[in-house]
Amino acid sequence: MGLGGTEIVILVALVLLFFGGKRLPQLGSALGKAMTNFKSGLKEEKEDKES
């Protein structure tokens, strides 16, 4: 169930319609920070279980 080129184009167009071009960098930054925090939380959890 992979995404093809057409599906990606449609998703990008919908995101642009909903959020606008000016908000996309802010959304990308927030998503990146959230992923980083999530990964560090998983790493800490793994280290706690090993101790």
PDB file of N, CA and C in Angstrom:
ATOM      1  N   MET A   1       0.844  -1.181   0.000  1.00  0.00           N
ATOM      2  CA  MET A   1       0.000   0.000   0.000  1.00  0.00           C
ATOM      3  C   MET A   1       0.888   1.244   0.000  1.00  0.00           C
ATOM      4  N   GLY A   2       1.776   1.319  -0.954  1.00  0.00           N
ATOM      5  CA  GLY A   2       2.680   2.455  -1.059  1.00  0.00           C
ATOM      6  C   GLY A   2       2.015   3.643  -1.740  1.00  0.00           C
ATOM      7  N   LEU A   3       2.632   4.775  -1.600  1.00  0.00           N
ATOM      8  CA  LEU A   3       2.128   5.977  -2.231  1.00  0.00           C
ATOM      9  C   LEU A   3       2.829   6.184  -3.559  1.00  0.00           C
ATOM     10  N   GLY A   4       2.042   6.446  -4.576  1.00  0.00           N
ATOM     11  CA  GLY A   4       2.591   6.742  -5.888  1.00  0.00           C
ATOM     12  C   GLY A   4       2.773   8.235  -6.067  1.00  0.00           C
ATOM     13  N   GLY A   5       3.247   8.620  -7.223  1.00  0.00           N
ATOM     14  CA  GLY A   5       3.480  10.032  -7.511  1.00  0.00           C
ATOM     15  C   GLY A   5       2.223  10.872  -7.462  1.00  0.00           C
ATOM     16  N   THR A   6       1.134  10.338  -8.003  1.00  0.00           N
ATOM     17  CA  THR A   6      -0.127  11.079  -8.022  1.00  0.00           C
ATOM     18  C   THR A   6      -0.653  11.315  -6.617  1.00  0.00           C
ATOM     19  N   GLU A   7      -0.579  10.311  -5.768  1.00  0.00           N
ATOM     20  CA  GLU A   7      -1.067  10.449  -4.399  1.00  0.00           C
ATOM     21  C   GLU A   7      -0.261  11.486  -3.624  1.00  0.00           C
ATOM     22  N   ILE A   8       1.043  11.492  -3.832  1.00  0.00           N
ATOM     23  CA  ILE A   8       1.896  12.461  -3.139  1.00  0.00           C
ATOM     24  C   ILE A   8       1.568  13.880  -3.592  1.00  0.00           C
ATOM     25  N   VAL A   9       1.361  14.072  -4.876  1.00  0.00           N
ATOM     26  CA  VAL A   9       1.007  15.397  -5.393  1.00  0.00           C
ATOM     27  C   VAL A   9      -0.313  15.863  -4.800  1.00  0.00           C
ATOM     28  N   ILE A  10      -1.290  14.970  -4.714  1.00  0.00           N
ATOM     29  CA  ILE A  10      -2.591  15.333  -4.141  1.00  0.00           C
ATOM     30  C   ILE A  10      -2.437  15.698  -2.668  1.00  0.00           C
ATOM     31  N   LEU A  11      -1.651  14.924  -1.912  1.00  0.00           N
ATOM     32  CA  LEU A  11      -1.438  15.233  -0.500  1.00  0.00           C
ATOM     33  C   LEU A  11      -0.757  16.583  -0.307  1.00  0.00           C
ATOM     34  N   VAL A  12       0.246  16.868  -1.104  1.00  0.00           N
ATOM     35  CA  VAL A  12       0.947  18.149  -1.002  1.00  0.00           C
ATOM     36  C   VAL A  12      -0.002  19.302  -1.325  1.00  0.00           C
ATOM     37  N   ALA A  13      -0.827  19.138  -2.348  1.00  0.00           N
ATOM     38  CA  ALA A  13      -1.793  20.180  -2.699  1.00  0.00           C
ATOM     39  C   ALA A  13      -2.791  20.412  -1.570  1.00  0.00           C
ATOM     40  N   LEU A  14      -3.268  19.346  -0.941  1.00  0.00           N
ATOM     41  CA  LEU A  14      -4.209  19.498   0.170  1.00  0.00           C
ATOM     42  C   LEU A  14      -3.561  20.188   1.368  1.00  0.00           C
ATOM     43  N   VAL A  15      -2.325  19.826   1.668  1.00  0.00           N
ATOM     44  CA  VAL A  15      -1.624  20.468   2.776  1.00  0.00           C
ATOM     45  C   VAL A  15      -1.442  21.954   2.491  1.00  0.00           C
ATOM     46  N   LEU A  16      -1.088  22.299   1.269  1.00  0.00           N
ATOM     47  CA  LEU A  16      -0.935  23.710   0.911  1.00  0.00           C
ATOM     48  C   LEU A  16      -2.253  24.459   1.030  1.00  0.00           C
ATOM     49  N   LEU A  17      -3.354  23.831   0.640  1.00  0.00           N
ATOM     50  CA  LEU A  17      -4.658  24.479   0.751  1.00  0.00           C
ATOM     51  C   LEU A  17      -5.045  24.704   2.212  1.00  0.00           C
ATOM     52  N   PHE A  18      -4.816  23.715   3.055  1.00  0.00           N
ATOM     53  CA  PHE A  18      -5.220  23.825   4.454  1.00  0.00           C
ATOM     54  C   PHE A  18      -4.346  24.788   5.251  1.00  0.00           C
ATOM     55  N   PHE A  19      -3.028  24.730   5.079  1.00  0.00           N
ATOM     56  CA  PHE A  19      -2.121  25.473   5.934  1.00  0.00           C
ATOM     57  C   PHE A  19      -1.474  26.677   5.258  1.00  0.00           C
ATOM     58  N   GLY A  20      -1.405  26.698   3.955  1.00  0.00           N
ATOM     59  CA  GLY A  20      -0.763  27.801   3.264  1.00  0.00           C
ATOM     60  C   GLY A  20       0.747  27.635   3.232  1.00  0.00           C
ATOM     61  N   GLY A  21       1.370  28.312   2.313  1.00  0.00           N
ATOM     62  CA  GLY A  21       2.808  28.183   2.116  1.00  0.00           C
ATOM     63  C   GLY A  21       3.639  28.759   3.248  1.00  0.00           C
ATOM     64  N   LYS A  22       3.115  29.776   3.944  1.00  0.00           N
ATOM     65  CA  LYS A  22       3.889  30.409   5.010  1.00  0.00           C
ATOM     66  C   LYS A  22       3.983  29.544   6.256  1.00  0.00           C
ATOM     67  N   ARG A  23       3.009  28.673   6.486  1.00  0.00           N
ATOM     68  CA  ARG A  23       3.003  27.858   7.703  1.00  0.00           C
ATOM     69  C   ARG A  23       3.755  26.541   7.535  1.00  0.00           C
ATOM     70  N   LEU A  24       4.051  26.129   6.319  1.00  0.00           N
ATOM     71  CA  LEU A  24       4.713  24.843   6.101  1.00  0.00           C
ATOM     72  C   LEU A  24       6.073  24.722   6.792  1.00  0.00           C
ATOM     73  N   PRO A  25       6.942  25.743   6.738  1.00  0.00           N
ATOM     74  CA  PRO A  25       8.216  25.601   7.464  1.00  0.00           C
ATOM     75  C   PRO A  25       8.024  25.436   8.970  1.00  0.00           C
ATOM     76  N   GLN A  26       7.037  26.130   9.529  1.00  0.00           N
ATOM     77  CA  GLN A  26       6.755  26.001  10.961  1.00  0.00           C
ATOM     78  C   GLN A  26       6.266  24.597  11.281  1.00  0.00           C
ATOM     79  N   LEU A  27       5.408  24.055  10.440  1.00  0.00           N
ATOM     80  CA  LEU A  27       4.896  22.706  10.654  1.00  0.00           C
ATOM     81  C   LEU A  27       6.010  21.673  10.538  1.00  0.00           C
ATOM     82  N   GLY A  28       6.889  21.846   9.559  1.00  0.00           N
ATOM     83  CA  GLY A  28       8.013  20.926   9.392  1.00  0.00           C
ATOM     84  C   GLY A  28       8.951  20.965  10.582  1.00  0.00           C
ATOM     85  N   SER A  29       9.213  22.157  11.096  1.00  0.00           N
ATOM     86  CA  SER A  29      10.079  22.298  12.256  1.00  0.00           C
ATOM     87  C   SER A  29       9.453  21.636  13.479  1.00  0.00           C
ATOM     88  N   ALA A  30       8.182  21.867  13.696  1.00  0.00           N
ATOM     89  CA  ALA A  30       7.498  21.267  14.847  1.00  0.00           C
ATOM     90  C   ALA A  30       7.474  19.745  14.731  1.00  0.00           C
ATOM     91  N   LEU A  31       7.264  19.239  13.530  1.00  0.00           N
ATOM     92  CA  LEU A  31       7.259  17.795  13.325  1.00  0.00           C
ATOM     93  C   LEU A  31       8.647  17.203  13.591  1.00  0.00           C
ATOM     94  N   GLY A  32       9.680  17.874  13.133  1.00  0.00           N
ATOM     95  CA  GLY A  32      11.044  17.406  13.373  1.00  0.00           C
ATOM     96  C   GLY A  32      11.388  17.373  14.855  1.00  0.00           C
ATOM     97  N   LYS A  33      10.996  18.415  15.584  1.00  0.00           N
ATOM     98  CA  LYS A  33      11.248  18.448  17.023  1.00  0.00           C
ATOM     99  C   LYS A  33      10.478  17.345  17.736  1.00  0.00           C
ATOM    100  N   ALA A  34       9.242  17.114  17.322  1.00  0.00           N
ATOM    101  CA  ALA A  34       8.433  16.067  17.946  1.00  0.00           C
ATOM    102  C   ALA A  34       9.053  14.693  17.709  1.00  0.00           C
ATOM    103  N   MET A  35       9.535  14.450  16.503  1.00  0.00           N
ATOM    104  CA  MET A  35      10.165  13.157  16.204  1.00  0.00           C
ATOM    105  C   MET A  35      11.447  12.976  17.012  1.00  0.00           C
ATOM    106  N   THR A  36      12.225  14.044  17.160  1.00  0.00           N
ATOM    107  CA  THR A  36      13.455  13.976  17.935  1.00  0.00           C
ATOM    108  C   THR A  36      13.154  13.656  19.395  1.00  0.00           C
ATOM    109  N   ASN A  37      12.141  14.328  19.957  1.00  0.00           N
ATOM    110  CA  ASN A  37      11.767  14.068  21.347  1.00  0.00           C
ATOM    111  C   ASN A  37      11.258  12.645  21.518  1.00  0.00           C
ATOM    112  N   PHE A  38      10.499  12.159  20.562  1.00  0.00           N
ATOM    113  CA  PHE A  38       9.969  10.804  20.630  1.00  0.00           C
ATOM    114  C   PHE A  38      11.101   9.781  20.607  1.00  0.00           C
ATOM    115  N   LYS A  39      12.063   9.968  19.705  1.00  0.00           N
ATOM    116  CA  LYS A  39      13.190   9.042  19.603  1.00  0.00           C
ATOM    117  C   LYS A  39      14.039   9.058  20.865  1.00  0.00           C
ATOM    118  N   SER A  40      14.266  10.246  21.422  1.00  0.00           N
ATOM    119  CA  SER A  40      15.060  10.308  22.646  1.00  0.00           C
ATOM    120  C   SER A  40      14.307   9.663  23.807  1.00  0.00           C
ATOM    121  N   GLY A  41      12.992   9.788  23.840  1.00  0.00           N
ATOM    122  CA  GLY A  41      12.192   9.120  24.863  1.00  0.00           C
ATOM    123  C   GLY A  41      12.279   7.614  24.750  1.00  0.00           C
ATOM    124  N   LEU A  42      12.254   7.103  23.529  1.00  0.00           N
ATOM    125  CA  LEU A  42      12.394   5.659  23.329  1.00  0.00           C
ATOM    126  C   LEU A  42      13.772   5.178  23.768  1.00  0.00           C
ATOM    127  N   LYS A  43      14.782   5.964  23.465  1.00  0.00           N
ATOM    128  CA  LYS A  43      16.148   5.593  23.840  1.00  0.00           C
ATOM    129  C   LYS A  43      16.295   5.565  25.361  1.00  0.00           C
ATOM    130  N   GLU A  44      15.720   6.562  26.043  1.00  0.00           N
ATOM    131  CA  GLU A  44      15.784   6.595  27.505  1.00  0.00           C
ATOM    132  C   GLU A  44      15.038   5.408  28.105  1.00  0.00           C
ATOM    133  N   GLU A  45      13.900   5.073  27.539  1.00  0.00           N
ATOM    134  CA  GLU A  45      13.126   3.932  28.025  1.00  0.00           C
ATOM    135  C   GLU A  45      13.908   2.639  27.880  1.00  0.00           C
ATOM    136  N   LYS A  46      14.587   2.489  26.750  1.00  0.00           N
ATOM    137  CA  LYS A  46      15.393   1.287  26.523  1.00  0.00           C
ATOM    138  C   LYS A  46      16.548   1.207  27.515  1.00  0.00           C
ATOM    139  N   GLU A  47      17.193   2.357  27.770  1.00  0.00           N
ATOM    140  CA  GLU A  47      18.304   2.391  28.722  1.00  0.00           C
ATOM    141  C   GLU A  47      17.813   2.069  30.136  1.00  0.00           C
ATOM    142  N   ASP A  48      16.619   2.534  30.502  1.00  0.00           N
ATOM    143  CA  ASP A  48      16.070   2.250  31.822  1.00  0.00           C
ATOM    144  C   ASP A  48      15.777   0.771  32.003  1.00  0.00           C
ATOM    145  N   LYS A  49      15.298   0.133  30.964  1.00  0.00           N
ATOM    146  CA  LYS A  49      14.990  -1.297  31.042  1.00  0.00           C
ATOM    147  C   LYS A  49      16.255  -2.132  31.165  1.00  0.00           C
ATOM    148  N   GLU A  50      17.332  -1.693  30.530  1.00  0.00           N
ATOM    149  CA  GLU A  50      18.589  -2.424  30.581  1.00  0.00           C
ATOM    150  C   GLU A  50      19.269  -2.307  31.935  1.00  0.00           C
ATOM    151  N   SER A  51      18.999  -1.240  32.657  1.00  0.00           N
ATOM    152  CA  SER A  51      19.657  -1.011  33.961  1.00  0.00           C
ATOM    153  C   SER A  51      19.021  -1.818  35.058  1.00  0.00           C
TER     154      SER A  51
END
